[in-house]
Amino acid sequence: MDTNAQTLPPDVFESIVNTLAETLTRDYRERWSRRGADPDQVSIASAVRPAPTWLKIDDAANRAQCGEATIRREVRAGRLHAVKVGGRRSLRFRDEWIDEWLEGTRRK
């Protein structure tokens, strides 16, 4: 660490930090108002919701802890939902589709 570095007095530093925080907050509110949403009425969970991910067949097989052949067989049988991409054998899955299929196949 540089011991010769200049430091700001605490009141100057606090002023800079507060100005930055106010600027960021104002920008955030302006962006939300352009989207037509009131930032005070939107929950944090909905604002931070990640985009859904699409799984390839090998990812789906890893999630279900089974082989790719099992995944293909279940899709053909209509027990596992999938989306065909590009008109070929390329399949895509969502996490929740794999989980629903696994829940439906558990022994009672």
PDB file of N, CA and C in Angstrom:
ATOM      1  N   MET A   1       0.842  -1.171   0.000  1.00  0.00           N
ATOM      2  CA  MET A   1       0.000   0.000   0.000  1.00  0.00           C
ATOM      3  C   MET A   1       0.885   1.230   0.000  1.00  0.00           C
ATOM      4  N   ASP A   2       0.495   2.236  -0.773  1.00  0.00           N
ATOM      5  CA  ASP A   2       1.294   3.458  -0.905  1.00  0.00           C
ATOM      6  C   ASP A   2       1.062   4.351   0.309  1.00  0.00           C
ATOM      7  N   THR A   3       2.088   4.539   1.108  1.00  0.00           N
ATOM      8  CA  THR A   3       1.948   5.369   2.309  1.00  0.00           C
ATOM      9  C   THR A   3       2.003   6.847   1.998  1.00  0.00           C
ATOM     10  N   ASN A   4       2.427   7.202   0.780  1.00  0.00           N
ATOM     11  CA  ASN A   4       2.510   8.604   0.384  1.00  0.00           C
ATOM     12  C   ASN A   4       1.242   9.082  -0.333  1.00  0.00           C
ATOM     13  N   ALA A   5       0.243   8.217  -0.440  1.00  0.00           N
ATOM     14  CA  ALA A   5      -0.982   8.573  -1.165  1.00  0.00           C
ATOM     15  C   ALA A   5      -1.732   9.669  -0.416  1.00  0.00           C
ATOM     16  N   GLN A   6      -2.326  10.568  -1.182  1.00  0.00           N
ATOM     17  CA  GLN A   6      -3.132  11.635  -0.600  1.00  0.00           C
ATOM     18  C   GLN A   6      -4.474  11.057  -0.166  1.00  0.00           C
ATOM     19  N   THR A   7      -4.975  11.461   0.953  1.00  0.00           N
ATOM     20  CA  THR A   7      -6.280  11.027   1.420  1.00  0.00           C
ATOM     21  C   THR A   7      -7.198  12.234   1.529  1.00  0.00           C
ATOM     22  N   LEU A   8      -8.465  11.976   1.371  1.00  0.00           N
ATOM     23  CA  LEU A   8      -9.462  13.033   1.471  1.00  0.00           C
ATOM     24  C   LEU A   8      -9.909  13.185   2.914  1.00  0.00           C
ATOM     25  N   PRO A   9     -10.254  14.387   3.308  1.00  0.00           N
ATOM     26  CA  PRO A   9     -10.858  14.548   4.630  1.00  0.00           C
ATOM     27  C   PRO A   9     -12.202  13.810   4.657  1.00  0.00           C
ATOM     28  N   PRO A  10     -12.600  13.307   5.799  1.00  0.00           N
ATOM     29  CA  PRO A  10     -13.825  12.516   5.890  1.00  0.00           C
ATOM     30  C   PRO A  10     -15.067  13.233   5.354  1.00  0.00           C
ATOM     31  N   ASP A  11     -15.210  14.530   5.602  1.00  0.00           N
ATOM     32  CA  ASP A  11     -16.407  15.219   5.133  1.00  0.00           C
ATOM     33  C   ASP A  11     -16.437  15.330   3.608  1.00  0.00           C
ATOM     34  N   VAL A  12     -15.294  15.477   2.957  1.00  0.00           N
ATOM     35  CA  VAL A  12     -15.229  15.534   1.500  1.00  0.00           C
ATOM     36  C   VAL A  12     -15.552  14.156   0.920  1.00  0.00           C
ATOM     37  N   PHE A  13     -14.969  13.132   1.511  1.00  0.00           N
ATOM     38  CA  PHE A  13     -15.240  11.769   1.061  1.00  0.00           C
ATOM     39  C   PHE A  13     -16.727  11.446   1.182  1.00  0.00           C
ATOM     40  N   GLU A  14     -17.329  11.789   2.312  1.00  0.00           N
ATOM     41  CA  GLU A  14     -18.756  11.534   2.531  1.00  0.00           C
ATOM     42  C   GLU A  14     -19.611  12.279   1.503  1.00  0.00           C
ATOM     43  N   SER A  15     -19.245  13.491   1.190  1.00  0.00           N
ATOM     44  CA  SER A  15     -19.972  14.274   0.197  1.00  0.00           C
ATOM     45  C   SER A  15     -19.915  13.609  -1.183  1.00  0.00           C
ATOM     46  N   ILE A  16     -18.751  13.119  -1.559  1.00  0.00           N
ATOM     47  CA  ILE A  16     -18.601  12.445  -2.854  1.00  0.00           C
ATOM     48  C   ILE A  16     -19.452  11.180  -2.900  1.00  0.00           C
ATOM     49  N   VAL A  17     -19.395  10.384  -1.850  1.00  0.00           N
ATOM     50  CA  VAL A  17     -20.154   9.132  -1.801  1.00  0.00           C
ATOM     51  C   VAL A  17     -21.651   9.417  -1.855  1.00  0.00           C
ATOM     52  N   ASN A  18     -22.130  10.408  -1.107  1.00  0.00           N
ATOM     53  CA  ASN A  18     -23.553  10.742  -1.115  1.00  0.00           C
ATOM     54  C   ASN A  18     -24.010  11.226  -2.486  1.00  0.00           C
ATOM     55  N   THR A  19     -23.195  12.044  -3.136  1.00  0.00           N
ATOM     56  CA  THR A  19     -23.539  12.525  -4.481  1.00  0.00           C
ATOM     57  C   THR A  19     -23.624  11.366  -5.461  1.00  0.00           C
ATOM     58  N   LEU A  20     -22.690  10.454  -5.383  1.00  0.00           N
ATOM     59  CA  LEU A  20     -22.715   9.289  -6.248  1.00  0.00           C
ATOM     60  C   LEU A  20     -23.965   8.447  -5.997  1.00  0.00           C
ATOM     61  N   ALA A  21     -24.296   8.214  -4.734  1.00  0.00           N
ATOM     62  CA  ALA A  21     -25.485   7.424  -4.396  1.00  0.00           C
ATOM     63  C   ALA A  21     -26.751   8.097  -4.910  1.00  0.00           C
ATOM     64  N   GLU A  22     -26.864   9.378  -4.750  1.00  0.00           N
ATOM     65  CA  GLU A  22     -28.042  10.101  -5.233  1.00  0.00           C
ATOM     66  C   GLU A  22     -28.147  10.027  -6.753  1.00  0.00           C
ATOM     67  N   THR A  23     -27.034  10.141  -7.445  1.00  0.00           N
ATOM     68  CA  THR A  23     -27.022  10.059  -8.904  1.00  0.00           C
ATOM     69  C   THR A  23     -27.453   8.680  -9.379  1.00  0.00           C
ATOM     70  N   LEU A  24     -26.931   7.648  -8.749  1.00  0.00           N
ATOM     71  CA  LEU A  24     -27.306   6.279  -9.115  1.00  0.00           C
ATOM     72  C   LEU A  24     -28.786   6.020  -8.855  1.00  0.00           C
ATOM     73  N   THR A  25     -29.293   6.483  -7.726  1.00  0.00           N
ATOM     74  CA  THR A  25     -30.703   6.304  -7.391  1.00  0.00           C
ATOM     75  C   THR A  25     -31.589   7.027  -8.396  1.00  0.00           C
ATOM     76  N   ARG A  26     -31.231   8.263  -8.738  1.00  0.00           N
ATOM     77  CA  ARG A  26     -32.015   9.040  -9.707  1.00  0.00           C
ATOM     78  C   ARG A  26     -32.034   8.331 -11.062  1.00  0.00           C
ATOM     79  N   ASP A  27     -30.883   7.835 -11.508  1.00  0.00           N
ATOM     80  CA  ASP A  27     -30.805   7.126 -12.782  1.00  0.00           C
ATOM     81  C   ASP A  27     -31.664   5.865 -12.756  1.00  0.00           C
ATOM     82  N   TYR A  28     -31.618   5.141 -11.666  1.00  0.00           N
ATOM     83  CA  TYR A  28     -32.411   3.914 -11.512  1.00  0.00           C
ATOM     84  C   TYR A  28     -33.904   4.222 -11.613  1.00  0.00           C
ATOM     85  N   ARG A  29     -34.340   5.247 -10.898  1.00  0.00           N
ATOM     86  CA  ARG A  29     -35.759   5.626 -10.937  1.00  0.00           C
ATOM     87  C   ARG A  29     -36.181   6.074 -12.331  1.00  0.00           C
ATOM     88  N   GLU A  30     -35.329   6.786 -13.047  1.00  0.00           N
ATOM     89  CA  GLU A  30     -35.653   7.219 -14.405  1.00  0.00           C
ATOM     90  C   GLU A  30     -35.802   6.020 -15.341  1.00  0.00           C
ATOM     91  N   ARG A  31     -34.929   5.053 -15.196  1.00  0.00           N
ATOM     92  CA  ARG A  31     -35.020   3.857 -16.039  1.00  0.00           C
ATOM     93  C   ARG A  31     -36.308   3.093 -15.762  1.00  0.00           C
ATOM     94  N   TRP A  32     -36.669   2.961 -14.505  1.00  0.00           N
ATOM     95  CA  TRP A  32     -37.904   2.259 -14.157  1.00  0.00           C
ATOM     96  C   TRP A  32     -39.119   3.028 -14.661  1.00  0.00           C
ATOM     97  N   SER A  33     -39.106   4.333 -14.572  1.00  0.00           N
ATOM     98  CA  SER A  33     -40.261   5.102 -15.021  1.00  0.00           C
ATOM     99  C   SER A  33     -40.441   4.976 -16.531  1.00  0.00           C
ATOM    100  N   ARG A  34     -39.351   4.840 -17.279  1.00  0.00           N
ATOM    101  CA  ARG A  34     -39.448   4.628 -18.722  1.00  0.00           C
ATOM    102  C   ARG A  34     -40.039   3.269 -19.041  1.00  0.00           C
ATOM    103  N   ARG A  35     -39.876   2.307 -18.151  1.00  0.00           N
ATOM    104  CA  ARG A  35     -40.441   0.969 -18.354  1.00  0.00           C
ATOM    105  C   ARG A  35     -41.896   0.915 -17.924  1.00  0.00           C
ATOM    106  N   GLY A  36     -42.387   1.978 -17.309  1.00  0.00           N
ATOM    107  CA  GLY A  36     -43.785   2.008 -16.875  1.00  0.00           C
ATOM    108  C   GLY A  36     -44.029   1.347 -15.543  1.00  0.00           C
ATOM    109  N   ALA A  37     -42.991   1.120 -14.781  1.00  0.00           N
ATOM    110  CA  ALA A  37     -43.136   0.471 -13.475  1.00  0.00           C
ATOM    111  C   ALA A  37     -42.709   1.437 -12.384  1.00  0.00           C
ATOM    112  N   ASP A  38     -43.371   1.337 -11.260  1.00  0.00           N
ATOM    113  CA  ASP A  38     -43.009   2.142 -10.100  1.00  0.00           C
ATOM    114  C   ASP A  38     -41.997   1.345  -9.289  1.00  0.00           C
ATOM    115  N   PRO A  39     -40.755   1.809  -9.162  1.00  0.00           N
ATOM    116  CA  PRO A  39     -39.730   1.018  -8.475  1.00  0.00           C
ATOM    117  C   PRO A  39     -40.063   0.729  -7.022  1.00  0.00           C
ATOM    118  N   ASP A  40     -40.898   1.551  -6.404  1.00  0.00           N
ATOM    119  CA  ASP A  40     -41.258   1.293  -5.015  1.00  0.00           C
ATOM    120  C   ASP A  40     -42.280   0.163  -4.895  1.00  0.00           C
ATOM    121  N   GLN A  41     -42.970  -0.171  -5.991  1.00  0.00           N
ATOM    122  CA  GLN A  41     -44.002  -1.196  -5.966  1.00  0.00           C
ATOM    123  C   GLN A  41     -43.539  -2.541  -6.528  1.00  0.00           C
ATOM    124  N   VAL A  42     -42.335  -2.602  -7.044  1.00  0.00           N
ATOM    125  CA  VAL A  42     -41.819  -3.826  -7.643  1.00  0.00           C
ATOM    126  C   VAL A  42     -40.977  -4.566  -6.618  1.00  0.00           C
ATOM    127  N   SER A  43     -41.222  -5.863  -6.487  1.00  0.00           N
ATOM    128  CA  SER A  43     -40.452  -6.641  -5.518  1.00  0.00           C
ATOM    129  C   SER A  43     -39.041  -6.872  -6.040  1.00  0.00           C
ATOM    130  N   ILE A  44     -38.136  -7.063  -5.142  1.00  0.00           N
ATOM    131  CA  ILE A  44     -36.747  -7.311  -5.519  1.00  0.00           C
ATOM    132  C   ILE A  44     -36.642  -8.618  -6.283  1.00  0.00           C
ATOM    133  N   ALA A  45     -37.402  -9.623  -5.875  1.00  0.00           N
ATOM    134  CA  ALA A  45     -37.331 -10.925  -6.537  1.00  0.00           C
ATOM    135  C   ALA A  45     -37.712 -10.822  -8.006  1.00  0.00           C
ATOM    136  N   SER A  46     -38.731 -10.044  -8.340  1.00  0.00           N
ATOM    137  CA  SER A  46     -39.121  -9.936  -9.743  1.00  0.00           C
ATOM    138  C   SER A  46     -38.142  -9.079 -10.524  1.00  0.00           C
ATOM    139  N   ALA A  47     -37.496  -8.151  -9.882  1.00  0.00           N
ATOM    140  CA  ALA A  47     -36.542  -7.289 -10.571  1.00  0.00           C
ATOM    141  C   ALA A  47     -35.235  -8.015 -10.857  1.00  0.00           C
ATOM    142  N   VAL A  48     -34.918  -9.042 -10.068  1.00  0.00           N
ATOM    143  CA  VAL A  48     -33.641  -9.733 -10.191  1.00  0.00           C
ATOM    144  C   VAL A  48     -33.813 -11.131 -10.768  1.00  0.00           C
ATOM    145  N   ARG A  49     -34.995 -11.459 -11.242  1.00  0.00           N
ATOM    146  CA  ARG A  49     -35.274 -12.801 -11.753  1.00  0.00           C
ATOM    147  C   ARG A  49     -34.346 -13.114 -12.922  1.00  0.00           C
ATOM    148  N   PRO A  50     -33.606 -14.219 -12.859  1.00  0.00           N
ATOM    149  CA  PRO A  50     -32.700 -14.552 -13.950  1.00  0.00           C
ATOM    150  C   PRO A  50     -33.468 -15.020 -15.183  1.00  0.00           C
ATOM    151  N   ALA A  51     -32.873 -14.833 -16.325  1.00  0.00           N
ATOM    152  CA  ALA A  51     -33.478 -15.303 -17.566  1.00  0.00           C
ATOM    153  C   ALA A  51     -33.486 -16.829 -17.546  1.00  0.00           C
ATOM    154  N   PRO A  52     -34.546 -17.439 -18.063  1.00  0.00           N
ATOM    155  CA  PRO A  52     -34.591 -18.902 -18.080  1.00  0.00           C
ATOM    156  C   PRO A  52     -33.498 -19.457 -18.985  1.00  0.00           C
ATOM    157  N   THR A  53     -32.946 -20.577 -18.586  1.00  0.00           N
ATOM    158  CA  THR A  53     -31.888 -21.189 -19.382  1.00  0.00           C
ATOM    159  C   THR A  53     -32.438 -22.418 -20.094  1.00  0.00           C
ATOM    160  N   TRP A  54     -31.934 -22.639 -21.269  1.00  0.00           N
ATOM    161  CA  TRP A  54     -32.298 -23.813 -22.053  1.00  0.00           C
ATOM    162  C   TRP A  54     -31.190 -24.849 -21.911  1.00  0.00           C
ATOM    163  N   LEU A  55     -31.588 -26.074 -21.649  1.00  0.00           N
ATOM    164  CA  LEU A  55     -30.635 -27.164 -21.492  1.00  0.00           C
ATOM    165  C   LEU A  55     -30.556 -27.970 -22.777  1.00  0.00           C
ATOM    166  N   LYS A  56     -29.352 -28.357 -23.146  1.00  0.00           N
ATOM    167  CA  LYS A  56     -29.170 -29.300 -24.238  1.00  0.00           C
ATOM    168  C   LYS A  56     -29.395 -30.688 -23.674  1.00  0.00           C
ATOM    169  N   ILE A  57     -29.434 -31.681 -24.551  1.00  0.00           N
ATOM    170  CA  ILE A  57     -29.773 -33.033 -24.106  1.00  0.00           C
ATOM    171  C   ILE A  57     -28.766 -33.575 -23.093  1.00  0.00           C
ATOM    172  N   ASP A  58     -27.485 -33.274 -23.263  1.00  0.00           N
ATOM    173  CA  ASP A  58     -26.501 -33.776 -22.302  1.00  0.00           C
ATOM    174  C   ASP A  58     -26.673 -33.102 -20.936  1.00  0.00           C
ATOM    175  N   ASP A  59     -27.050 -31.810 -20.944  1.00  0.00           N
ATOM    176  CA  ASP A  59     -27.317 -31.115 -19.681  1.00  0.00           C
ATOM    177  C   ASP A  59     -28.551 -31.687 -18.995  1.00  0.00           C
ATOM    178  N   ALA A  60     -29.581 -32.000 -19.795  1.00  0.00           N
ATOM    179  CA  ALA A  60     -30.809 -32.584 -19.239  1.00  0.00           C
ATOM    180  C   ALA A  60     -30.517 -33.952 -18.630  1.00  0.00           C
ATOM    181  N   ALA A  61     -29.710 -34.743 -19.331  1.00  0.00           N
ATOM    182  CA  ALA A  61     -29.353 -36.068 -18.816  1.00  0.00           C
ATOM    183  C   ALA A  61     -28.548 -35.945 -17.519  1.00  0.00           C
ATOM    184  N   ASN A  62     -27.649 -34.987 -17.456  1.00  0.00           N
ATOM    185  CA  ASN A  62     -26.880 -34.771 -16.227  1.00  0.00           C
ATOM    186  C   ASN A  62     -27.791 -34.346 -15.088  1.00  0.00           C
ATOM    187  N   ARG A  63     -28.742 -33.444 -15.375  1.00  0.00           N
ATOM    188  CA  ARG A  63     -29.650 -32.984 -14.324  1.00  0.00           C
ATOM    189  C   ARG A  63     -30.484 -34.144 -13.778  1.00  0.00           C
ATOM    190  N   ALA A  64     -30.953 -35.009 -14.694  1.00  0.00           N
ATOM    191  CA  ALA A  64     -31.788 -36.143 -14.286  1.00  0.00           C
ATOM    192  C   ALA A  64     -30.963 -37.335 -13.824  1.00  0.00           C
ATOM    193  N   GLN A  65     -29.664 -37.255 -13.989  1.00  0.00           N
ATOM    194  CA  GLN A  65     -28.744 -38.339 -13.637  1.00  0.00           C
ATOM    195  C   GLN A  65     -29.129 -39.636 -14.342  1.00  0.00           C
ATOM    196  N   CYS A  66     -29.283 -39.503 -15.659  1.00  0.00           N
ATOM    197  CA  CYS A  66     -29.582 -40.672 -16.480  1.00  0.00           C
ATOM    198  C   CYS A  66     -28.857 -40.497 -17.813  1.00  0.00           C
ATOM    199  N   GLY A  67     -29.052 -41.423 -18.717  1.00  0.00           N
ATOM    200  CA  GLY A  67     -28.401 -41.346 -20.014  1.00  0.00           C
ATOM    201  C   GLY A  67     -29.208 -40.547 -21.024  1.00  0.00           C
ATOM    202  N   GLU A  68     -28.531 -40.118 -22.072  1.00  0.00           N
ATOM    203  CA  GLU A  68     -29.197 -39.364 -23.127  1.00  0.00           C
ATOM    204  C   GLU A  68     -30.260 -40.207 -23.829  1.00  0.00           C
ATOM    205  N   ALA A  69     -30.022 -41.508 -23.949  1.00  0.00           N
ATOM    206  CA  ALA A  69     -31.001 -42.393 -24.588  1.00  0.00           C
ATOM    207  C   ALA A  69     -32.313 -42.402 -23.802  1.00  0.00           C
ATOM    208  N   THR A  70     -32.215 -42.374 -22.487  1.00  0.00           N
ATOM    209  CA  THR A  70     -33.417 -42.331 -21.650  1.00  0.00           C
ATOM    210  C   THR A  70     -34.184 -41.040 -21.892  1.00  0.00           C
ATOM    211  N   ILE A  71     -33.475 -39.943 -21.981  1.00  0.00           N
ATOM    212  CA  ILE A  71     -34.125 -38.649 -22.229  1.00  0.00           C
ATOM    213  C   ILE A  71     -34.841 -38.687 -23.573  1.00  0.00           C
ATOM    214  N   ARG A  72     -34.152 -39.169 -24.631  1.00  0.00           N
ATOM    215  CA  ARG A  72     -34.778 -39.243 -25.964  1.00  0.00           C
ATOM    216  C   ARG A  72     -36.008 -40.146 -25.951  1.00  0.00           C
ATOM    217  N   ARG A  73     -35.905 -41.288 -25.271  1.00  0.00           N
ATOM    218  CA  ARG A  73     -37.030 -42.229 -25.205  1.00  0.00           C
ATOM    219  C   ARG A  73     -38.239 -41.595 -24.519  1.00  0.00           C
ATOM    220  N   GLU A  74     -38.006 -40.865 -23.437  1.00  0.00           N
ATOM    221  CA  GLU A  74     -39.107 -40.232 -22.707  1.00  0.00           C
ATOM    222  C   GLU A  74     -39.746 -39.099 -23.516  1.00  0.00           C
ATOM    223  N   VAL A  75     -38.941 -38.393 -24.311  1.00  0.00           N
ATOM    224  CA  VAL A  75     -39.492 -37.347 -25.184  1.00  0.00           C
ATOM    225  C   VAL A  75     -40.361 -37.992 -26.260  1.00  0.00           C
ATOM    226  N   ARG A  76     -39.869 -39.064 -26.893  1.00  0.00           N
ATOM    227  CA  ARG A  76     -40.659 -39.765 -27.924  1.00  0.00           C
ATOM    228  C   ARG A  76     -41.964 -40.298 -27.365  1.00  0.00           C
ATOM    229  N   ALA A  77     -41.930 -40.781 -26.111  1.00  0.00           N
ATOM    230  CA  ALA A  77     -43.132 -41.334 -25.485  1.00  0.00           C
ATOM    231  C   ALA A  77     -44.094 -40.244 -25.013  1.00  0.00           C
ATOM    232  N   GLY A  78     -43.635 -38.980 -25.033  1.00  0.00           N
ATOM    233  CA  GLY A  78     -44.509 -37.882 -24.625  1.00  0.00           C
ATOM    234  C   GLY A  78     -44.554 -37.649 -23.128  1.00  0.00           C
ATOM    235  N   ARG A  79     -43.678 -38.300 -22.399  1.00  0.00           N
ATOM    236  CA  ARG A  79     -43.666 -38.131 -20.944  1.00  0.00           C
ATOM    237  C   ARG A  79     -42.769 -36.989 -20.484  1.00  0.00           C
ATOM    238  N   LEU A  80     -41.886 -36.536 -21.371  1.00  0.00           N
ATOM    239  CA  LEU A  80     -40.958 -35.445 -21.051  1.00  0.00           C
ATOM    240  C   LEU A  80     -41.085 -34.376 -22.128  1.00  0.00           C
ATOM    241  N   HIS A  81     -41.355 -33.163 -21.694  1.00  0.00           N
ATOM    242  CA  HIS A  81     -41.543 -32.054 -22.626  1.00  0.00           C
ATOM    243  C   HIS A  81     -40.186 -31.573 -23.140  1.00  0.00           C
ATOM    244  N   ALA A  82     -40.124 -31.313 -24.448  1.00  0.00           N
ATOM    245  CA  ALA A  82     -38.908 -30.787 -25.073  1.00  0.00           C
ATOM    246  C   ALA A  82     -39.310 -29.928 -26.254  1.00  0.00           C
ATOM    247  N   VAL A  83     -38.373 -29.128 -26.706  1.00  0.00           N
ATOM    248  CA  VAL A  83     -38.568 -28.288 -27.881  1.00  0.00           C
ATOM    249  C   VAL A  83     -37.520 -28.679 -28.900  1.00  0.00           C
ATOM    250  N   LYS A  84     -37.964 -28.900 -30.149  1.00  0.00           N
ATOM    251  CA  LYS A  84     -37.016 -29.198 -31.220  1.00  0.00           C
ATOM    252  C   LYS A  84     -36.517 -27.892 -31.804  1.00  0.00           C
ATOM    253  N   VAL A  85     -35.223 -27.837 -32.029  1.00  0.00           N
ATOM    254  CA  VAL A  85     -34.597 -26.633 -32.556  1.00  0.00           C
ATOM    255  C   VAL A  85     -34.016 -26.931 -33.932  1.00  0.00           C
ATOM    256  N   GLY A  86     -34.316 -26.089 -34.882  1.00  0.00           N
ATOM    257  CA  GLY A  86     -33.707 -26.206 -36.203  1.00  0.00           C
ATOM    258  C   GLY A  86     -34.197 -27.371 -37.030  1.00  0.00           C
ATOM    259  N   GLY A  87     -35.311 -27.995 -36.670  1.00  0.00           N
ATOM    260  CA  GLY A  87     -35.863 -29.081 -37.466  1.00  0.00           C
ATOM    261  C   GLY A  87     -35.030 -30.351 -37.463  1.00  0.00           C
ATOM    262  N   ARG A  88     -34.042 -30.410 -36.608  1.00  0.00           N
ATOM    263  CA  ARG A  88     -33.201 -31.600 -36.533  1.00  0.00           C
ATOM    264  C   ARG A  88     -33.473 -32.339 -35.233  1.00  0.00           C
ATOM    265  N   ARG A  89     -32.567 -33.162 -34.835  1.00  0.00           N
ATOM    266  CA  ARG A  89     -32.735 -33.900 -33.587  1.00  0.00           C
ATOM    267  C   ARG A  89     -32.261 -33.097 -32.385  1.00  0.00           C
ATOM    268  N   SER A  90     -31.993 -31.837 -32.587  1.00  0.00           N
ATOM    269  CA  SER A  90     -31.506 -30.992 -31.503  1.00  0.00           C
ATOM    270  C   SER A  90     -32.678 -30.627 -30.592  1.00  0.00           C
ATOM    271  N   LEU A  91     -32.602 -31.058 -29.356  1.00  0.00           N
ATOM    272  CA  LEU A  91     -33.672 -30.828 -28.385  1.00  0.00           C
ATOM    273  C   LEU A  91     -33.209 -29.850 -27.318  1.00  0.00           C
ATOM    274  N   ARG A  92     -34.163 -29.084 -26.784  1.00  0.00           N
ATOM    275  CA  ARG A  92     -33.875 -28.171 -25.677  1.00  0.00           C
ATOM    276  C   ARG A  92     -34.908 -28.402 -24.580  1.00  0.00           C
ATOM    277  N   PHE A  93     -34.454 -28.240 -23.340  1.00  0.00           N
ATOM    278  CA  PHE A  93     -35.283 -28.488 -22.169  1.00  0.00           C
ATOM    279  C   PHE A  93     -35.155 -27.329 -21.199  1.00  0.00           C
ATOM    280  N   ARG A  94     -36.115 -27.201 -20.326  1.00  0.00           N
ATOM    281  CA  ARG A  94     -36.040 -26.265 -19.206  1.00  0.00           C
ATOM    282  C   ARG A  94     -35.824 -27.093 -17.940  1.00  0.00           C
ATOM    283  N   ASP A  95     -35.180 -26.483 -16.953  1.00  0.00           N
ATOM    284  CA  ASP A  95     -34.951 -27.172 -15.675  1.00  0.00           C
ATOM    285  C   ASP A  95     -36.249 -27.721 -15.099  1.00  0.00           C
ATOM    286  N   GLU A  96     -37.281 -26.874 -15.106  1.00  0.00           N
ATOM    287  CA  GLU A  96     -38.539 -27.282 -14.465  1.00  0.00           C
ATOM    288  C   GLU A  96     -39.197 -28.448 -15.197  1.00  0.00           C
ATOM    289  N   TRP A  97     -38.987 -28.586 -16.511  1.00  0.00           N
ATOM    290  CA  TRP A  97     -39.548 -29.719 -17.243  1.00  0.00           C
ATOM    291  C   TRP A  97     -38.892 -31.016 -16.793  1.00  0.00           C
ATOM    292  N   ILE A  98     -37.593 -30.975 -16.591  1.00  0.00           N
ATOM    293  CA  ILE A  98     -36.880 -32.163 -16.107  1.00  0.00           C
ATOM    294  C   ILE A  98     -37.365 -32.510 -14.701  1.00  0.00           C
ATOM    295  N   ASP A  99     -37.482 -31.496 -13.851  1.00  0.00           N
ATOM    296  CA  ASP A  99     -37.927 -31.732 -12.476  1.00  0.00           C
ATOM    297  C   ASP A  99     -39.345 -32.301 -12.432  1.00  0.00           C
ATOM    298  N   GLU A 100     -40.252 -31.762 -13.257  1.00  0.00           N
ATOM    299  CA  GLU A 100     -41.633 -32.276 -13.297  1.00  0.00           C
ATOM    300  C   GLU A 100     -41.653 -33.731 -13.752  1.00  0.00           C
ATOM    301  N   TRP A 101     -40.849 -34.043 -14.756  1.00  0.00           N
ATOM    302  CA  TRP A 101     -40.782 -35.413 -15.253  1.00  0.00           C
ATOM    303  C   TRP A 101     -40.264 -36.348 -14.154  1.00  0.00           C
ATOM    304  N   LEU A 102     -39.216 -35.907 -13.456  1.00  0.00           N
ATOM    305  CA  LEU A 102     -38.680 -36.737 -12.375  1.00  0.00           C
ATOM    306  C   LEU A 102     -39.693 -36.925 -11.257  1.00  0.00           C
ATOM    307  N   GLU A 103     -40.413 -35.880 -10.913  1.00  0.00           N
ATOM    308  CA  GLU A 103     -41.441 -35.980  -9.866  1.00  0.00           C
ATOM    309  C   GLU A 103     -42.549 -36.941 -10.295  1.00  0.00           C
ATOM    310  N   GLY A 104     -42.893 -36.932 -11.572  1.00  0.00           N
ATOM    311  CA  GLY A 104     -43.958 -37.792 -12.077  1.00  0.00           C
ATOM    312  C   GLY A 104     -43.557 -39.251 -12.165  1.00  0.00           C
ATOM    313  N   THR A 105     -42.251 -39.525 -12.202  1.00  0.00           N
ATOM    314  CA  THR A 105     -41.796 -40.908 -12.339  1.00  0.00           C
ATOM    315  C   THR A 105     -41.423 -41.535 -11.004  1.00  0.00           C
ATOM    316  N   ARG A 106     -41.497 -40.783  -9.918  1.00  0.00           N
ATOM    317  CA  ARG A 106     -41.101 -41.359  -8.633  1.00  0.00           C
ATOM    318  C   ARG A 106     -42.122 -42.411  -8.185  1.00  0.00           C
ATOM    319  N   ARG A 107     -41.622 -43.374  -7.482  1.00  0.00           N
ATOM    320  CA  ARG A 107     -42.485 -44.466  -7.004  1.00  0.00           C
ATOM    321  C   ARG A 107     -43.271 -44.011  -5.787  1.00  0.00           C
ATOM    322  N   LYS A 108     -44.496 -44.439  -5.731  1.00  0.00           N
ATOM    323  CA  LYS A 108     -45.369 -44.036  -4.615  1.00  0.00           C
ATOM    324  C   LYS A 108     -45.434 -45.097  -3.568  1.00  0.00           C
TER     325      LYS A 108
END
